[in-house]
């Protein structure tokens, strides 16, 4: 058998074919290809983004005499490093480029940028993310004629390749919202150490990007946590459920800073990787429940005082207070030698006086009625009076203290008279049942999450 003739290489010899049993052999591609950034910098180990990757052929900015790629029309593809997954996203007809004089001079539907050696660089996007964990890709070129002859494939023997890296984008750190609920028993807007958390309370978190979720606060901390939130979707809003007319919001605290009371809490900007804390405080109210003096001086009032078949326990309870007469002297009832009927009449005469010349006397009458209301169970001493910021029992104690300190407070006797007058005003609100008071423990409430879907 005669030896095969030696093939001659050259840029013009794009394809030399020997027909041996129907198999076509293509001439290897001369020169080299490489990837670069838009400025032509080669050997870029990592590109920040896929749009930063450009295809170069042959000569470089530093060496325009470097080995050139054969002239002709080529196609390219982007794959994973092993070539098993095609990543280029546009049709092969869009991935053509032309080499002339050893440099790329044009490309189909791909952006180009001028190169220093008289050619251009070709931007290689669009292509999908590589499945390679290290962010490695492979760029391939082959002659268009070889691609067609090989059944629309890139055959290893007919290609030039170059691997490159694109930085794998790190998912932004996610944030969280911790939302708490507590019972603000003293309505001071602070979560005091003796105030209890509320659990089973509905909270809704949402933003303007379609996120919305509802959860109930949980035992034992009154906390519900919204996880996996993106700070790129700020701002967020958190809304607490409303439990009815007796419930009132008294506190909104965000990351430890008290805010103006609002529901929902809006404009919450999360920080990547951090947890933002939102605290809602609420209390519930009831009527003070007192019976006024005008009721206590009637037969109904007398019957209530005598409900244990004796009025002496109530009279003795009044005697424990520092009650004053119009003159400022101490006032009490003798339950040892004086009959109950006589003491009742003495009480009526004393309490029915309307004089305010001696404010200590006026305060004494109001304090006596409050003591009867508490002992009868009409008023709960542990309830909190809004205006004074004191429990009703503490308010009565404050009145008793000032009566013990000063029993005569006529006009001009300041500041004691003003103090006693204010205490009397607050106590009359309770006795006359004209004011709402805060209960020391939460009222009943019930929230239900909507069914899924």
Protein backbone atom coordinates (compact mmCIF):
# COMPACT_ATOMS: atom_id res chain seq x y z
CA UNK A 1 0.00 0.00 0.00
CA UNK A 2 1.32 3.40 -0.96
CA UNK A 3 1.90 5.82 1.90
CA UNK A 4 -0.64 8.63 2.26
CA UNK A 5 0.44 11.98 0.86
CA UNK A 6 1.62 14.46 3.54
CA UNK A 7 -0.94 17.16 4.27
CA UNK A 8 0.13 20.76 4.12
CA UNK A 9 -1.13 23.15 6.79
CA UNK A 10 -2.04 26.79 6.27
CA UNK A 11 -4.73 29.33 6.96
CA UNK A 12 -6.27 28.75 3.56
CA UNK A 13 -6.48 24.98 4.04
CA UNK A 14 -9.61 24.97 6.19
CA UNK A 15 -10.50 21.39 5.49
CA UNK A 16 -8.56 18.62 3.75
CA UNK A 17 -10.58 15.51 3.34
CA UNK A 18 -9.39 11.99 2.60
CA UNK A 19 -12.12 9.56 1.88
CA UNK A 20 -11.14 6.38 3.58
CA UNK A 21 -14.14 4.18 4.13
CA UNK A 22 -16.43 7.26 4.09
CA UNK A 23 -14.71 9.01 7.07
CA UNK A 24 -13.89 12.73 6.71
CA UNK A 25 -10.89 14.19 8.52
CA UNK A 26 -10.72 17.98 9.22
CA UNK A 27 -7.50 19.89 9.53
CA UNK A 28 -6.73 21.04 13.10
CA UNK A 29 -7.34 24.70 13.90
CA UNK A 30 -4.10 26.68 14.08
CA UNK A 31 -3.30 29.27 16.72
CA UNK A 32 -5.18 29.64 20.00
CA UNK A 33 -8.28 31.08 21.52
CA UNK A 34 -8.62 32.54 24.95
CA UNK A 35 -11.10 34.46 27.04
CA UNK A 36 -10.51 37.97 28.32
CA UNK A 37 -12.31 40.84 29.93
CA UNK A 38 -13.60 43.79 27.92
CA UNK A 39 -10.15 45.43 28.05
CA UNK A 40 -8.45 42.37 26.58
CA UNK A 41 -6.79 41.24 29.81
CA UNK A 42 -6.10 37.53 29.42
CA UNK A 43 -5.67 34.81 32.01
CA UNK A 44 -8.39 36.33 34.14
CA UNK A 45 -8.79 33.69 36.81
CA UNK A 46 -12.25 34.77 37.87
CA UNK A 47 -14.81 36.99 36.21
CA UNK A 48 -17.24 38.86 38.43
CA UNK A 49 -20.15 38.20 36.07
CA UNK A 50 -20.93 36.26 32.90
CA UNK A 51 -21.31 39.52 30.98
CA UNK A 52 -17.61 40.23 31.64
CA UNK A 53 -16.39 37.28 29.52
CA UNK A 54 -15.19 37.96 25.95
CA UNK A 55 -13.74 35.66 23.27
CA UNK A 56 -10.38 36.48 21.68
CA UNK A 57 -8.45 34.63 19.04
CA UNK A 58 -4.71 34.49 18.26
CA UNK A 59 -2.88 37.80 18.80
CA UNK A 60 -3.17 39.56 22.09
CA UNK A 61 -2.79 43.18 23.12
CA UNK A 62 0.77 42.40 24.17
CA UNK A 63 1.75 40.36 21.12
CA UNK A 64 0.06 41.02 17.81
CA UNK A 65 2.40 38.51 16.15
CA UNK A 66 1.16 35.60 18.25
CA UNK A 67 -0.12 32.49 16.49
CA UNK A 68 -3.30 33.38 14.67
CA UNK A 69 -6.46 31.38 14.24
CA UNK A 70 -7.08 30.25 10.65
CA UNK A 71 -9.26 32.58 8.63
CA UNK A 72 -12.86 31.50 8.15
CA UNK A 73 -16.34 31.38 9.70
CA UNK A 74 -16.61 29.77 13.13
CA UNK A 75 -19.27 28.95 15.71
CA UNK A 76 -18.84 28.82 19.46
CA UNK A 77 -20.52 27.29 22.49
CA UNK A 78 -20.27 27.50 26.29
CA UNK A 79 -20.54 24.29 28.33
CA UNK A 80 -19.65 22.92 31.73
CA UNK A 81 -15.96 21.86 32.05
CA UNK A 82 -16.59 18.32 30.81
CA UNK A 83 -18.68 19.47 27.87
CA UNK A 84 -21.68 17.36 28.86
CA UNK A 85 -24.07 20.28 29.45
CA UNK A 86 -24.65 22.95 26.80
CA UNK A 87 -25.02 26.31 28.55
CA UNK A 88 -25.25 28.70 25.58
CA UNK A 89 -28.83 29.92 25.47
CA UNK A 90 -29.20 31.35 21.98
CA UNK A 91 -29.36 29.42 18.70
CA UNK A 92 -26.12 28.31 17.02
CA UNK A 93 -26.93 30.64 14.12
CA UNK A 94 -26.51 33.55 16.55
CA UNK A 95 -23.11 32.29 17.67
CA UNK A 96 -21.11 32.78 14.47
CA UNK A 97 -18.00 34.90 14.13
CA UNK A 98 -15.55 35.56 11.31
CA UNK A 99 -11.74 35.48 11.41
CA UNK A 100 -9.74 37.44 8.85
CA UNK A 101 -6.03 38.11 8.94
CA UNK A 102 -5.79 35.91 12.03
CA UNK A 103 -8.11 38.03 14.20
CA UNK A 104 -11.85 38.03 14.85
CA UNK A 105 -13.41 40.81 12.78
CA UNK A 106 -17.18 40.35 13.26
CA UNK A 107 -19.86 38.33 15.06
CA UNK A 108 -23.56 37.55 14.63
CA UNK A 109 -25.86 39.13 17.21
CA UNK A 110 -23.21 39.29 19.95
CA UNK A 111 -21.73 42.52 21.20
CA UNK A 112 -18.16 43.22 20.11
CA UNK A 113 -15.52 45.62 21.34
CA UNK A 114 -12.40 46.72 19.42
CA UNK A 115 -9.14 44.86 20.02
CA UNK A 116 -5.65 46.39 19.73
CA UNK A 117 -4.51 44.07 16.94
CA UNK A 118 -7.11 45.25 14.47
CA UNK A 119 -9.81 42.79 15.40
CA UNK A 120 -12.63 42.64 17.90
CA UNK A 121 -13.52 40.78 21.08
CA UNK A 122 -16.89 38.99 21.19
CA UNK A 123 -19.12 39.03 24.28
CA UNK A 124 -20.24 35.46 24.97
CA UNK A 125 -23.50 35.88 26.86
CA UNK A 126 -26.19 34.67 26.99
CA UNK A 127 -25.31 31.40 28.71
CA UNK A 128 -26.79 29.63 31.73
CA UNK A 129 -25.11 29.06 35.08
CA UNK A 130 -22.69 26.18 35.15
CA UNK A 131 -23.56 23.16 37.30
CA UNK A 132 -19.92 23.08 38.34
CA UNK A 133 -19.63 24.02 42.04
CA UNK A 134 -16.51 26.05 41.38
CA UNK A 135 -18.13 28.21 38.75
CA UNK A 136 -16.00 26.74 35.90
CA UNK A 137 -17.09 27.02 32.26
CA UNK A 138 -15.57 25.91 28.94
CA UNK A 139 -15.58 27.99 25.73
CA UNK A 140 -15.39 26.03 22.44
CA UNK A 141 -14.89 27.15 18.83
CA UNK A 142 -15.05 25.10 15.67
CA UNK A 143 -15.31 25.90 11.96
CA UNK A 144 -18.91 26.24 10.89
CA UNK A 145 -18.26 23.75 8.09
CA UNK A 146 -16.88 21.17 10.53
CA UNK A 147 -19.86 21.72 12.87
CA UNK A 148 -22.23 20.92 10.00
CA UNK A 149 -20.14 18.02 8.69
CA UNK A 150 -19.98 16.48 12.17
CA UNK A 151 -23.76 16.39 12.55
CA UNK A 152 -24.10 19.77 14.27
CA UNK A 153 -21.67 18.89 17.04
CA UNK A 154 -18.38 20.18 18.37
CA UNK A 155 -15.88 17.32 17.87
CA UNK A 156 -12.83 17.46 20.13
CA UNK A 157 -10.38 17.02 17.27
CA UNK A 158 -11.87 19.97 15.39
CA UNK A 159 -12.05 22.51 18.23
CA UNK A 160 -10.10 24.94 20.34
CA UNK A 161 -11.21 25.37 23.94
CA UNK A 162 -10.51 27.54 26.94
CA UNK A 163 -11.75 27.13 30.51
CA UNK A 164 -12.73 30.14 32.60
CA UNK A 165 -14.31 30.90 35.99
CA UNK A 166 -17.19 33.17 36.88
CA UNK A 167 -17.59 33.97 40.54
CA UNK A 168 -20.45 31.99 41.99
CA UNK A 169 -22.86 34.61 43.36
CA UNK A 170 -23.27 34.30 47.09
CA UNK A 171 -26.86 34.35 48.16
CA UNK A 172 -27.47 37.45 50.26
CA UNK A 173 -27.70 36.79 53.97
CA UNK A 174 -31.29 36.53 55.03
CA UNK A 175 -32.87 38.42 57.89
CA UNK A 176 -35.56 37.72 60.45
CA UNK A 177 -38.26 39.51 62.41
CA UNK A 178 -38.84 38.63 66.06
CA UNK A 179 -42.27 39.94 67.04
CA UNK A 180 -43.27 39.94 70.72
CA UNK A 181 -46.50 40.71 72.55
CA UNK A 182 -46.88 41.64 76.23
CA UNK A 183 -49.57 42.81 78.63
CA UNK A 184 -48.80 46.40 79.65
CA UNK A 185 -50.55 46.28 83.01
CA UNK A 186 -49.51 49.81 83.99
CA UNK A 187 -49.89 51.28 80.47
CA UNK A 188 -46.48 52.94 80.66
CA UNK A 189 -45.32 51.71 77.24
CA UNK A 190 -42.50 49.61 78.70
CA UNK A 191 -42.21 45.87 79.19
CA UNK A 192 -41.62 45.79 82.93
CA UNK A 193 -40.20 42.73 84.64
CA UNK A 194 -43.51 41.75 86.24
CA UNK A 195 -45.58 42.03 83.05
CA UNK A 196 -46.58 38.84 81.29
CA UNK A 197 -46.15 37.88 77.62
CA UNK A 198 -49.25 37.22 75.53
CA UNK A 199 -49.30 34.17 73.30
CA UNK A 200 -51.85 33.13 70.72
CA UNK A 201 -51.98 36.72 69.39
CA UNK A 202 -52.13 37.13 65.60
CA UNK A 203 -49.26 38.95 63.89
CA UNK A 204 -48.94 39.75 60.18
CA UNK A 205 -45.65 40.63 58.45
CA UNK A 206 -45.62 41.96 54.89
CA UNK A 207 -43.67 44.02 52.37
CA UNK A 208 -44.35 45.62 48.99
CA UNK A 209 -42.84 42.72 47.04
CA UNK A 210 -45.64 40.22 47.57
CA UNK A 211 -44.52 38.76 50.89
CA UNK A 212 -47.26 38.37 53.52
CA UNK A 213 -47.39 35.87 56.38
CA UNK A 214 -49.54 35.42 59.49
CA UNK A 215 -48.45 33.68 62.69
CA UNK A 216 -49.53 33.48 66.32
CA UNK A 217 -47.26 34.48 69.18
CA UNK A 218 -46.13 31.45 71.12
CA UNK A 219 -45.68 30.37 74.74
CA UNK A 220 -43.73 31.05 76.88
CA UNK A 221 -42.22 34.28 75.54
CA UNK A 222 -45.04 35.79 73.49
CA UNK A 223 -42.77 35.53 70.44
CA UNK A 224 -43.35 34.69 66.82
CA UNK A 225 -40.45 34.69 64.36
CA UNK A 226 -40.61 35.42 60.64
CA UNK A 227 -37.52 33.84 59.02
CA UNK A 228 -35.79 33.95 55.62
CA UNK A 229 -36.61 37.58 54.85
CA UNK A 230 -34.58 39.56 52.34
CA UNK A 231 -33.29 42.99 53.25
CA UNK A 232 -33.35 43.70 49.49
CA UNK A 233 -37.13 43.81 49.81
CA UNK A 234 -37.30 46.54 52.46
CA UNK A 235 -39.30 48.08 53.99
CA UNK A 236 -41.46 45.68 55.98
CA UNK A 237 -44.59 46.24 58.06
CA UNK A 238 -45.83 44.29 61.07
CA UNK A 239 -49.46 44.44 62.18
CA UNK A 240 -50.94 43.01 65.35
CA UNK A 241 -54.46 41.65 65.42
CA UNK A 242 -57.16 43.68 67.16
CA UNK A 243 -59.01 41.92 69.95
CA UNK A 244 -61.97 44.20 70.57
CA UNK A 245 -62.99 47.49 72.10
CA UNK A 246 -61.69 46.81 75.60
CA UNK A 247 -58.16 46.22 74.28
CA UNK A 248 -55.82 49.11 73.57
CA UNK A 249 -52.29 49.32 72.21
CA UNK A 250 -49.90 51.12 74.56
CA UNK A 251 -46.43 50.27 73.28
CA UNK A 252 -44.46 49.85 70.08
CA UNK A 253 -40.76 49.16 70.57
CA UNK A 254 -38.42 48.43 67.65
CA UNK A 255 -34.92 47.16 68.45
CA UNK A 256 -35.22 48.55 71.97
CA UNK A 257 -36.30 52.05 70.91
CA UNK A 258 -39.84 53.19 71.87
CA UNK A 259 -41.87 54.40 68.90
CA UNK A 260 -45.09 56.35 68.57
CA UNK A 261 -47.94 53.88 69.03
CA UNK A 262 -49.02 52.62 65.61
CA UNK A 263 -50.58 49.55 64.10
CA UNK A 264 -49.24 48.46 61.71
CA UNK A 265 -45.63 49.32 62.44
CA UNK A 266 -44.30 50.43 59.05
CA UNK A 267 -41.00 51.40 57.47
CA UNK A 268 -39.05 48.57 59.11
CA UNK A 269 -35.73 48.17 57.28
CA UNK A 270 -34.08 44.82 57.89
CA UNK A 271 -30.30 44.33 57.92
CA UNK A 272 -28.83 41.33 56.09
CA UNK A 273 -27.93 38.54 58.50
CA UNK A 274 -29.52 40.25 61.50
CA UNK A 275 -32.77 39.91 63.44
CA UNK A 276 -34.99 42.94 63.98
CA UNK A 277 -37.12 42.96 67.14
CA UNK A 278 -40.64 44.41 67.22
CA UNK A 279 -42.59 44.52 70.50
CA UNK A 280 -46.26 45.37 70.88
CA UNK A 281 -47.75 46.19 74.29
CA UNK A 282 -51.49 46.18 75.07
CA UNK A 283 -53.83 46.43 78.02
CA UNK A 284 -57.57 45.88 78.47
CA UNK A 285 -60.02 48.11 80.32
CA UNK A 286 -63.26 47.81 82.27
CA UNK A 287 -65.56 50.28 83.97
CA UNK A 288 -64.44 51.35 87.43
CA UNK A 289 -67.67 49.90 88.85
CA UNK A 290 -68.18 52.26 91.76
CA UNK A 291 -71.50 53.19 93.37
CA UNK A 292 -71.80 56.96 93.99
CA UNK A 293 -72.41 58.62 97.33
CA UNK A 294 -76.02 59.25 96.29
CA UNK A 295 -76.57 55.47 96.21
CA UNK A 296 -74.77 54.67 99.44
CA UNK A 297 -76.91 57.07 101.49
CA UNK A 298 -80.14 55.36 100.38
CA UNK A 299 -81.83 52.33 101.91
CA UNK A 300 -80.07 50.20 99.29
CA UNK A 301 -76.72 51.48 100.49
CA UNK A 302 -77.64 50.86 104.10
CA UNK A 303 -78.72 47.32 103.24
CA UNK A 304 -75.37 46.66 101.57
CA UNK A 305 -73.46 48.02 104.59
CA UNK A 306 -75.60 45.76 106.79
CA UNK A 307 -75.24 42.72 104.50
CA UNK A 308 -73.73 40.62 107.28
CA UNK A 309 -76.48 41.59 109.69
CA UNK A 310 -74.10 44.12 111.20
CA UNK A 311 -72.67 47.42 110.00
CA UNK A 312 -69.77 47.49 112.44
CA UNK A 313 -67.18 45.85 110.10
CA UNK A 314 -67.76 48.65 107.57
CA UNK A 315 -67.70 51.31 110.31
CA UNK A 316 -64.43 49.86 111.66
CA UNK A 317 -62.97 49.90 108.14
CA UNK A 318 -63.78 53.61 107.90
CA UNK A 319 -62.21 54.17 111.32
CA UNK A 320 -58.92 52.79 109.91
CA UNK A 321 -58.72 55.82 107.60
CA UNK A 322 -57.47 59.25 108.63
CA UNK A 323 -60.87 60.81 108.01
CA UNK A 324 -61.41 64.46 108.89
CA UNK A 325 -64.30 66.63 110.03
CA UNK A 326 -65.10 70.08 108.66
CA UNK A 327 -62.87 71.58 111.36
CA UNK A 328 -59.95 69.36 110.44
CA UNK A 329 -60.11 67.17 113.52
CA UNK A 330 -60.18 63.39 113.22
CA UNK A 331 -63.54 61.79 112.57
CA UNK A 332 -64.63 58.25 113.40
CA UNK A 333 -67.51 56.22 114.78
CA UNK A 334 -67.70 54.56 118.19
CA UNK A 335 -68.63 50.95 117.49
CA UNK A 336 -68.26 49.91 121.12
CA UNK A 337 -70.91 51.93 122.94
CA UNK A 338 -72.89 53.64 120.19
CA UNK A 339 -75.70 51.77 118.44
CA UNK A 340 -75.38 50.93 114.79
CA UNK A 341 -78.50 52.93 113.94
CA UNK A 342 -77.04 56.02 115.61
CA UNK A 343 -73.71 55.53 113.86
CA UNK A 344 -75.49 55.21 110.51
CA UNK A 345 -77.23 58.54 111.07
CA UNK A 346 -73.92 60.12 112.15
CA UNK A 347 -72.34 58.79 108.99
CA UNK A 348 -75.14 60.20 106.82
CA UNK A 349 -74.82 63.63 108.40
CA UNK A 350 -71.05 63.64 107.94
CA UNK A 351 -70.93 62.27 104.38
CA UNK A 352 -73.83 64.31 102.98
CA UNK A 353 -72.10 67.61 103.66
CA UNK A 354 -71.04 69.26 100.37
CA UNK A 355 -68.65 71.86 101.76
CA UNK A 356 -65.23 72.20 100.15
CA UNK A 357 -63.97 74.93 102.47
CA UNK A 358 -61.69 72.34 104.03
CA UNK A 359 -60.46 70.14 101.18
CA UNK A 360 -59.30 67.51 103.67
CA UNK A 361 -62.93 67.10 104.77
CA UNK A 362 -64.13 66.83 101.13
CA UNK A 363 -61.42 64.27 100.33
CA UNK A 364 -62.36 62.31 103.46
CA UNK A 365 -65.96 61.90 102.29
CA UNK A 366 -64.82 60.63 98.88
CA UNK A 367 -62.26 58.28 100.44
CA UNK A 368 -64.93 56.82 102.73
CA UNK A 369 -67.23 56.05 99.79
CA UNK A 370 -64.32 54.45 97.90
CA UNK A 371 -63.55 52.24 100.91
CA UNK A 372 -67.18 51.07 100.99
CA UNK A 373 -67.05 50.35 97.23
CA UNK A 374 -63.90 48.27 97.59
CA UNK A 375 -65.17 46.35 100.64
CA UNK A 376 -68.45 45.62 98.84
CA UNK A 377 -66.62 44.32 95.76
CA UNK A 378 -68.01 46.96 93.40
CA UNK A 379 -64.50 48.33 92.83
CA UNK A 380 -61.39 46.15 92.42
CA UNK A 381 -58.48 47.70 94.24
CA UNK A 382 -55.88 46.09 91.97
CA UNK A 383 -57.28 47.80 88.86
CA UNK A 384 -55.17 50.69 87.59
CA UNK A 385 -56.52 54.23 87.42
CA UNK A 386 -55.30 55.94 84.22
CA UNK A 387 -55.04 59.50 85.41
CA UNK A 388 -53.09 58.82 88.56
CA UNK A 389 -51.05 55.92 87.21
CA UNK A 390 -51.80 54.14 90.50
CA UNK A 391 -53.88 51.13 91.39
CA UNK A 392 -57.14 52.06 93.08
CA UNK A 393 -55.87 50.68 96.39
CA UNK A 394 -52.71 52.76 96.03
CA UNK A 395 -54.81 55.81 95.22
CA UNK A 396 -56.84 55.33 98.41
CA UNK A 397 -53.60 54.87 100.36
CA UNK A 398 -52.20 58.12 98.92
CA UNK A 399 -55.36 59.95 100.00
CA UNK A 400 -55.13 58.47 103.48
CA UNK A 401 -51.49 59.52 103.77
CA UNK A 402 -52.16 63.15 102.89
CA UNK A 403 -55.18 63.22 105.25
CA UNK A 404 -52.97 61.97 108.05
CA UNK A 405 -50.38 64.66 107.28
CA UNK A 406 -52.76 67.62 106.99
CA UNK A 407 -56.38 67.66 108.16
CA UNK A 408 -57.08 71.31 107.45
CA UNK A 409 -56.55 72.58 103.93
CA UNK A 410 -58.63 75.75 103.40
CA UNK A 411 -58.33 78.02 100.38
CA UNK A 412 -54.78 79.31 100.05
CA UNK A 413 -53.23 76.35 101.83
CA UNK A 414 -50.93 75.20 99.08
CA UNK A 415 -49.64 72.85 97.89
CA UNK A 416 -51.46 70.44 100.20
CA UNK A 417 -54.91 71.64 99.18
CA UNK A 418 -54.18 71.20 95.48
CA UNK A 419 -52.84 67.69 96.10
CA UNK A 420 -55.92 66.70 98.06
CA UNK A 421 -58.25 68.24 95.48
CA UNK A 422 -56.61 66.22 92.69
CA UNK A 423 -56.88 63.01 94.68
CA UNK A 424 -60.55 63.74 95.36
CA UNK A 425 -61.22 64.28 91.64
CA UNK A 426 -59.65 60.94 90.74
CA UNK A 427 -61.48 59.07 93.52
CA UNK A 428 -64.83 60.60 92.53
CA UNK A 429 -64.29 59.32 88.95
CA UNK A 430 -64.07 55.81 90.38
CA UNK A 431 -66.96 56.20 92.82
CA UNK A 432 -69.20 57.66 90.11
CA UNK A 433 -68.18 54.95 87.60
CA UNK A 434 -67.31 57.55 84.96
CA UNK A 435 -63.85 56.28 84.14
CA UNK A 436 -62.34 53.16 82.58
CA UNK A 437 -59.64 51.38 84.57
CA UNK A 438 -56.98 48.91 83.50
CA UNK A 439 -57.33 45.33 84.61
CA UNK A 440 -54.22 43.77 86.22
CA UNK A 441 -54.60 40.62 84.12
CA UNK A 442 -55.42 40.21 80.43
CA UNK A 443 -59.01 39.99 79.25
CA UNK A 444 -59.97 37.04 77.12
CA UNK A 445 -59.04 37.10 73.44
CA UNK A 446 -59.02 34.60 70.60
CA UNK A 447 -57.32 34.62 67.18
CA UNK A 448 -57.31 31.96 64.52
CA UNK A 449 -54.99 31.50 61.60
CA UNK A 450 -56.79 31.31 58.27
CA UNK A 451 -56.80 27.82 56.71
CA UNK A 452 -53.88 27.11 54.32
CA UNK A 453 -54.53 28.13 50.73
